[in-house]
Amino acid sequence: MTADFGHAGPADEPTGLPIGEVPASLAETLRYGPFHRALRDAIAHRGLSLARLRAHIEQLGVQVGQSTLSYWQRGLRHPEVPRAIPTVRALEVVLKLPTDSLTSLIGPRQPPHVRPTPAAFAELASAWADTAPLLSEFDAIPESSRSNADLEMLSVHDAVLVGGQHEQRAVTTRLVVRALRAGPDRYLAVHQGDEGSRIDSAVIRPGEGCRQGRLRRQAASRGLAVELLFDRRLAEGEEHVFSYTVVDDTGGPTPGHHRTFRDPCRSYLVQLGFHRRALPARCTKQFRSGLMATPVDVDELVCGLGGVVSAYFSDVGPGTAGVSVEWS
């Protein structure tokens, strides 16, 4: 990406132009925020590339990196006060926005990449108690440190295959993550088998975007923890897609499939595919904010053609989301 400098610019040059009117949708975003959405909408409204935007800002005597503008509009970083105020004011001029419309949306913020542990997680963490010895081998005990802390979860898709004896046979997971800082090169996944599962027989099959690293199992908890290694260290803000399958078909009738989220996730899709001659009596979509909490977002699910049940959650977590299954 490049920026243009030099002779007088084309019709989109902002210098000397009056503040223009903004559409109602942009005006509402400028009023209520958040900052990154307002900035993104304003840039889209003016039709400027980030390279052109940066060039215009520097013509006003303000230096800013194109990557910084990209992080700001995606919400990966927030302008630091008071250092960023001149840049934000320059953005208002270049984007022809009312004075202080963007400036009013910035203020004291938490330091970058510091994500407080949700209050609900103190209760959720006890769900990991049985597998804590596994996680401790990776220096990632949930109560004391935050495994995968440098990765933002954007999307998760769990596809569960259920066999003719009502047993969970395999779970294929596809994830989309974003690096919150430079350096992450792996993801730590945890799986817990159903009642009766012989976890020592479970097999991990890495898919796209990863390969298997260290693997630990614990028969008592029917749990396993596995490192999924990327092919490189991710750059800050870089998105990565990867998938893996856990084949664990020795358990009894499955009660369903649930995933615990310690941090918010934008999108979670869970699908259970049943054997056509062994369909469930009832399936419900459920979300719990804590282990003892009453399920919310409870919906009856229809087993569609091909014996597949699907449940979708947007902006899910922290908490546990999934599908509960009842057998006749």
Protein backbone atom coordinates (compact mmCIF):
# COMPACT_ATOMS: atom_id res chain seq x y z
CA MET A 1 0.00 0.00 0.00
CA THR A 2 1.25 3.49 -0.87
CA ALA A 3 0.34 7.08 -0.14
CA ASP A 4 0.21 9.91 -2.67
CA PHE A 5 2.11 13.16 -2.10
CA GLY A 6 2.99 16.20 -4.23
CA HIS A 7 0.91 18.33 -6.55
CA ALA A 8 -2.61 19.57 -6.02
CA GLY A 9 -5.00 16.71 -5.40
CA PRO A 10 -8.20 15.63 -7.08
CA ALA A 11 -11.75 16.39 -6.07
CA ASP A 12 -11.51 14.42 -2.81
CA GLU A 13 -8.91 16.81 -1.33
CA PRO A 14 -10.36 18.01 2.00
CA THR A 15 -8.22 21.10 2.62
CA GLY A 16 -10.29 24.27 2.69
CA LEU A 17 -13.62 22.53 2.16
CA PRO A 18 -16.50 23.20 4.56
CA ILE A 19 -17.86 20.50 6.81
CA GLY A 20 -20.42 18.57 4.82
CA GLU A 21 -23.67 17.03 5.91
CA VAL A 22 -23.51 13.39 6.98
CA PRO A 23 -26.22 10.77 6.48
CA ALA A 24 -28.49 9.90 9.38
CA SER A 25 -26.89 6.50 9.99
CA LEU A 26 -23.42 8.03 10.27
CA ALA A 27 -24.72 10.86 12.44
CA GLU A 28 -26.17 8.31 14.86
CA THR A 29 -22.89 6.39 15.03
CA LEU A 30 -21.00 9.63 15.64
CA ARG A 31 -23.37 10.41 18.49
CA TYR A 32 -23.31 7.03 20.24
CA GLY A 33 -20.11 5.34 19.02
CA PRO A 34 -18.13 3.27 19.51
CA PHE A 35 -15.16 5.12 18.08
CA HIS A 36 -13.94 2.38 15.73
CA ARG A 37 -17.36 1.98 14.13
CA ALA A 38 -17.80 5.71 13.70
CA LEU A 39 -14.36 5.99 12.10
CA ARG A 40 -14.98 3.02 9.80
CA ASP A 41 -18.36 4.38 8.68
CA ALA A 42 -16.95 7.87 8.09
CA ILE A 43 -14.11 6.51 5.97
CA ALA A 44 -16.54 4.42 3.94
CA HIS A 45 -18.85 7.41 3.47
CA ARG A 46 -16.03 9.57 2.09
CA GLY A 47 -14.71 6.76 -0.09
CA LEU A 48 -11.07 7.23 0.88
CA SER A 49 -8.51 4.43 1.00
CA LEU A 50 -6.34 4.32 4.10
CA ALA A 51 -3.36 5.36 1.98
CA ARG A 52 -5.20 8.48 0.74
CA LEU A 53 -6.49 9.20 4.25
CA ARG A 54 -2.99 9.04 5.69
CA ALA A 55 -1.65 11.31 2.93
CA HIS A 56 -4.32 13.94 3.63
CA ILE A 57 -3.65 13.84 7.37
CA GLU A 58 0.08 14.32 6.85
CA GLN A 59 -0.64 17.33 4.61
CA LEU A 60 -2.15 18.86 7.76
CA GLY A 61 1.17 18.36 9.54
CA VAL A 62 0.13 15.30 11.56
CA GLN A 63 2.12 12.06 11.29
CA VAL A 64 0.25 8.76 11.58
CA GLY A 65 0.94 5.22 10.41
CA GLN A 66 -1.41 3.55 7.97
CA SER A 67 -1.39 0.45 10.19
CA THR A 68 -2.53 2.60 13.13
CA LEU A 69 -5.51 3.84 11.13
CA SER A 70 -6.30 0.23 10.20
CA TYR A 71 -6.16 -0.91 13.83
CA TRP A 72 -8.32 2.01 14.95
CA GLN A 73 -11.10 1.38 12.45
CA ARG A 74 -11.15 -2.36 13.26
CA GLY A 75 -11.22 -1.80 17.02
CA LEU A 76 -7.91 -3.59 17.60
CA ARG A 77 -6.48 -0.46 19.17
CA HIS A 78 -7.99 2.67 20.64
CA PRO A 79 -6.51 6.20 20.38
CA GLU A 80 -4.51 7.00 23.50
CA VAL A 81 -5.44 10.27 25.23
CA PRO A 82 -4.01 12.87 25.07
CA ARG A 83 -1.34 11.82 22.58
CA ALA A 84 -3.76 10.87 19.79
CA ILE A 85 -6.02 13.94 20.01
CA PRO A 86 -4.24 15.90 17.21
CA THR A 87 -4.57 12.91 14.90
CA VAL A 88 -8.26 12.44 15.70
CA ARG A 89 -8.92 16.13 15.11
CA ALA A 90 -7.14 15.84 11.76
CA LEU A 91 -9.39 12.89 10.91
CA GLU A 92 -12.42 15.08 11.55
CA VAL A 93 -11.10 17.65 9.08
CA VAL A 94 -10.13 15.15 6.39
CA LEU A 95 -13.40 13.22 6.69
CA LYS A 96 -15.42 16.48 6.79
CA LEU A 97 -17.03 15.66 10.12
CA PRO A 98 -18.40 18.08 12.71
CA THR A 99 -15.79 19.34 15.16
CA ASP A 100 -15.29 17.05 18.17
CA SER A 101 -17.55 14.36 16.67
CA LEU A 102 -14.75 11.76 16.82
CA THR A 103 -12.81 13.37 19.65
CA SER A 104 -15.79 13.02 21.97
CA LEU A 105 -15.77 9.25 21.42
CA ILE A 106 -12.27 8.74 22.80
CA GLY A 107 -11.32 8.92 26.45
CA PRO A 108 -9.62 6.98 29.21
CA ARG A 109 -9.39 3.34 28.20
CA GLN A 110 -7.80 0.18 29.54
CA PRO A 111 -4.24 -0.42 28.35
CA PRO A 112 -4.16 -2.22 24.97
CA HIS A 113 -4.73 -5.97 25.08
CA VAL A 114 -5.69 -6.01 28.78
CA ARG A 115 -8.91 -7.99 28.97
CA PRO A 116 -10.35 -8.27 32.48
CA THR A 117 -11.43 -11.71 33.59
CA PRO A 118 -15.26 -11.72 33.51
CA ALA A 119 -16.86 -12.12 36.89
CA ALA A 120 -18.76 -15.15 35.65
CA PHE A 121 -15.53 -16.95 34.83
CA ALA A 122 -14.70 -17.52 38.50
CA GLU A 123 -17.60 -19.95 38.49
CA LEU A 124 -16.95 -21.29 35.00
CA ALA A 125 -13.34 -22.09 35.89
CA SER A 126 -14.44 -24.90 38.19
CA ALA A 127 -15.58 -26.80 35.10
CA TRP A 128 -11.89 -27.11 34.24
CA ALA A 129 -10.89 -28.45 37.65
CA ASP A 130 -10.59 -32.07 36.51
CA THR A 131 -8.37 -31.13 33.60
CA ALA A 132 -6.22 -28.63 35.52
CA PRO A 133 -3.32 -31.12 35.77
CA LEU A 134 -3.40 -31.40 31.98
CA LEU A 135 -3.36 -27.66 31.48
CA SER A 136 -0.63 -27.14 34.07
CA GLU A 137 1.72 -29.08 31.82
CA PHE A 138 1.26 -26.32 29.26
CA ASP A 139 1.61 -23.56 31.90
CA ALA A 140 -2.02 -22.66 31.22
CA ILE A 141 -4.08 -23.30 34.35
CA PRO A 142 -7.21 -21.18 33.72
CA GLU A 143 -7.37 -19.78 37.28
CA SER A 144 -3.80 -18.47 37.23
CA SER A 145 -3.09 -17.60 33.61
CA ARG A 146 -4.98 -17.25 30.37
CA SER A 147 -4.13 -19.73 27.67
CA ASN A 148 -4.73 -18.44 24.14
CA ALA A 149 -4.72 -14.93 25.63
CA ASP A 150 -3.08 -13.41 22.56
CA LEU A 151 -5.85 -14.62 20.27
CA GLU A 152 -9.26 -13.03 19.80
CA MET A 153 -11.95 -15.56 18.95
CA LEU A 154 -13.92 -14.35 15.93
CA SER A 155 -15.79 -17.49 14.89
CA VAL A 156 -16.11 -21.13 15.98
CA HIS A 157 -17.94 -23.93 14.15
CA ASP A 158 -18.32 -27.33 15.87
CA ALA A 159 -19.64 -30.16 13.70
CA VAL A 160 -20.48 -33.24 15.80
CA LEU A 161 -21.09 -36.69 14.31
CA VAL A 162 -23.37 -38.96 16.39
CA GLY A 163 -23.49 -42.69 15.65
CA GLY A 164 -26.14 -45.38 15.55
CA GLN A 165 -25.72 -46.22 19.26
CA HIS A 166 -26.30 -42.56 20.21
CA GLU A 167 -22.56 -42.16 20.81
CA GLN A 168 -20.56 -39.08 19.91
CA ARG A 169 -18.15 -40.30 17.25
CA ALA A 170 -16.18 -37.21 16.20
CA VAL A 171 -16.08 -33.44 16.62
CA THR A 172 -14.63 -31.27 13.86
CA THR A 173 -13.88 -27.70 14.88
CA ARG A 174 -13.05 -24.79 12.59
CA LEU A 175 -11.91 -21.52 14.17
CA VAL A 176 -11.19 -18.01 12.96
CA VAL A 177 -8.90 -16.09 15.32
CA ARG A 178 -7.14 -12.72 15.28
CA ALA A 179 -3.79 -11.97 16.89
CA LEU A 180 -4.12 -9.27 19.55
CA ARG A 181 -0.36 -8.76 19.51
CA ALA A 182 2.55 -10.02 17.45
CA GLY A 183 3.82 -13.52 18.14
CA PRO A 184 1.11 -16.17 18.79
CA ASP A 185 1.87 -19.38 16.90
CA ARG A 186 -0.40 -21.97 18.52
CA TYR A 187 -3.78 -22.69 20.05
CA LEU A 188 -4.42 -24.91 23.07
CA ALA A 189 -7.55 -27.04 22.64
CA VAL A 190 -9.28 -29.05 25.37
CA HIS A 191 -11.69 -31.94 24.82
CA GLN A 192 -13.68 -33.89 27.39
CA GLY A 193 -15.27 -37.17 26.38
CA ASP A 194 -18.77 -38.31 27.31
CA GLU A 195 -19.46 -40.72 30.16
CA GLY A 196 -17.69 -44.01 29.49
CA SER A 197 -15.22 -42.55 27.02
CA ARG A 198 -11.79 -44.20 26.91
CA ILE A 199 -9.84 -41.04 26.26
CA ASP A 200 -6.60 -42.93 25.63
CA SER A 201 -8.18 -44.19 22.41
CA ALA A 202 -9.12 -40.72 21.13
CA VAL A 203 -7.34 -39.52 17.98
CA ILE A 204 -6.50 -35.93 16.96
CA ARG A 205 -6.57 -35.12 13.26
CA PRO A 206 -5.24 -31.62 12.46
CA GLY A 207 -6.87 -30.02 9.41
CA GLU A 208 -6.15 -26.79 7.57
CA GLY A 209 -3.86 -24.20 9.09
CA CYS A 210 -2.27 -26.24 11.90
CA ARG A 211 -0.34 -29.32 12.92
CA GLN A 212 -0.33 -31.28 16.18
CA GLY A 213 2.04 -30.34 18.96
CA ARG A 214 2.12 -31.68 22.51
CA LEU A 215 -0.75 -33.91 23.59
CA ARG A 216 -1.74 -34.85 27.14
CA ARG A 217 -4.55 -37.14 28.32
CA GLN A 218 -6.17 -37.88 31.67
CA ALA A 219 -8.29 -41.00 32.00
CA ALA A 220 -9.99 -39.95 35.25
CA SER A 221 -11.53 -36.82 33.75
CA ARG A 222 -11.89 -38.24 30.23
CA GLY A 223 -10.01 -35.14 29.14
CA LEU A 224 -7.26 -34.29 26.73
CA ALA A 225 -5.36 -31.12 25.91
CA VAL A 226 -3.53 -30.63 22.62
CA GLU A 227 -1.41 -27.88 21.10
CA LEU A 228 -2.31 -26.96 17.55
CA LEU A 229 0.73 -25.31 15.98
CA PHE A 230 0.43 -22.73 13.21
CA ASP A 231 2.96 -22.58 10.39
CA ARG A 232 4.23 -19.16 11.51
CA ARG A 233 3.99 -16.51 14.19
CA LEU A 234 1.03 -14.24 13.53
CA ALA A 235 1.48 -10.50 13.09
CA GLU A 236 -0.58 -8.15 15.23
CA GLY A 237 -4.08 -7.91 13.79
CA GLU A 238 -3.56 -10.91 11.48
CA GLU A 239 -6.46 -13.33 11.12
CA HIS A 240 -5.94 -17.10 10.91
CA VAL A 241 -8.25 -19.98 10.03
CA PHE A 242 -7.55 -23.52 11.22
CA SER A 243 -9.42 -26.74 11.97
CA TYR A 244 -9.03 -30.06 13.73
CA THR A 245 -11.03 -33.20 14.48
CA VAL A 246 -11.23 -35.22 17.69
CA VAL A 247 -12.29 -38.83 17.05
CA ASP A 248 -13.64 -40.13 20.37
CA ASP A 249 -16.25 -42.85 19.81
CA THR A 250 -16.04 -45.02 22.92
CA GLY A 251 -18.51 -43.16 25.16
CA GLY A 252 -22.13 -43.88 25.96
CA PRO A 253 -25.21 -41.99 24.70
CA THR A 254 -24.20 -38.37 24.31
CA PRO A 255 -26.05 -35.69 26.30
CA GLY A 256 -25.20 -33.17 23.60
CA HIS A 257 -22.32 -30.84 22.86
CA HIS A 258 -21.39 -27.65 24.72
CA ARG A 259 -18.46 -25.25 24.50
CA THR A 260 -17.25 -22.99 27.30
CA PHE A 261 -16.21 -19.47 26.29
CA ARG A 262 -14.03 -17.56 28.73
CA ASP A 263 -14.19 -14.43 26.57
CA PRO A 264 -16.77 -13.09 24.11
CA CYS A 265 -16.90 -14.70 20.67
CA ARG A 266 -18.65 -13.03 17.77
CA SER A 267 -20.06 -16.16 16.16
CA TYR A 268 -20.61 -19.75 17.30
CA LEU A 269 -22.30 -22.43 15.20
CA VAL A 270 -22.75 -25.95 16.55
CA GLN A 271 -24.24 -28.73 14.43
CA LEU A 272 -25.03 -32.32 15.40
CA GLY A 273 -25.45 -34.89 12.67
CA PHE A 274 -27.39 -38.00 13.77
CA HIS A 275 -27.63 -41.48 12.32
CA ARG A 276 -30.92 -41.65 10.42
CA ARG A 277 -32.01 -44.76 12.32
CA ALA A 278 -31.12 -43.28 15.71
CA LEU A 279 -32.66 -39.82 15.85
CA PRO A 280 -33.04 -37.97 19.20
CA ALA A 281 -36.35 -37.43 20.96
CA ARG A 282 -35.59 -33.79 21.70
CA CYS A 283 -32.83 -31.20 21.13
CA THR A 284 -32.62 -27.78 22.75
CA LYS A 285 -30.33 -24.82 22.21
CA GLN A 286 -29.01 -23.54 25.56
CA PHE A 287 -26.70 -20.93 27.01
CA ARG A 288 -25.56 -20.69 30.63
CA SER A 289 -23.63 -17.75 32.08
CA GLY A 290 -22.37 -20.00 34.91
CA LEU A 291 -22.38 -23.62 36.00
CA MET A 292 -25.30 -23.18 38.40
CA ALA A 293 -27.11 -20.56 36.31
CA THR A 294 -30.49 -21.23 34.77
CA PRO A 295 -30.20 -21.84 31.01
CA VAL A 296 -31.20 -18.87 28.90
CA ASP A 297 -31.69 -18.51 25.16
CA VAL A 298 -33.43 -21.91 25.27
CA ASP A 299 -35.05 -22.93 21.99
CA GLU A 300 -36.48 -26.18 20.70
CA LEU A 301 -34.53 -27.34 17.68
CA VAL A 302 -35.85 -29.22 14.68
CA CYS A 303 -33.92 -32.19 13.34
CA GLY A 304 -33.90 -31.37 9.66
CA LEU A 305 -33.41 -33.38 6.51
CA GLY A 306 -30.41 -35.63 6.81
CA GLY A 307 -30.67 -35.74 10.60
CA VAL A 308 -28.82 -32.49 11.30
CA VAL A 309 -29.59 -30.10 14.19
CA SER A 310 -28.05 -26.62 14.16
CA ALA A 311 -27.79 -23.89 16.79
CA TYR A 312 -26.27 -20.46 16.14
CA PHE A 313 -25.10 -17.98 18.78
CA SER A 314 -23.97 -14.42 18.00
CA ASP A 315 -21.83 -12.39 20.40
CA VAL A 316 -21.69 -15.35 22.79
CA GLY A 317 -19.79 -15.58 26.08
CA PRO A 318 -18.49 -15.67 28.62
CA GLY A 319 -20.44 -18.79 29.45
CA THR A 320 -21.34 -22.18 28.04
CA ALA A 321 -23.27 -22.57 24.79
CA GLY A 322 -24.44 -25.65 22.95
CA VAL A 323 -27.12 -28.22 22.25
CA SER A 324 -28.62 -30.60 24.82
CA VAL A 325 -29.93 -33.96 23.56
CA GLU A 326 -32.60 -36.21 25.03
CA TRP A 327 -33.09 -39.79 23.89
CA SER A 328 -36.37 -41.74 23.97
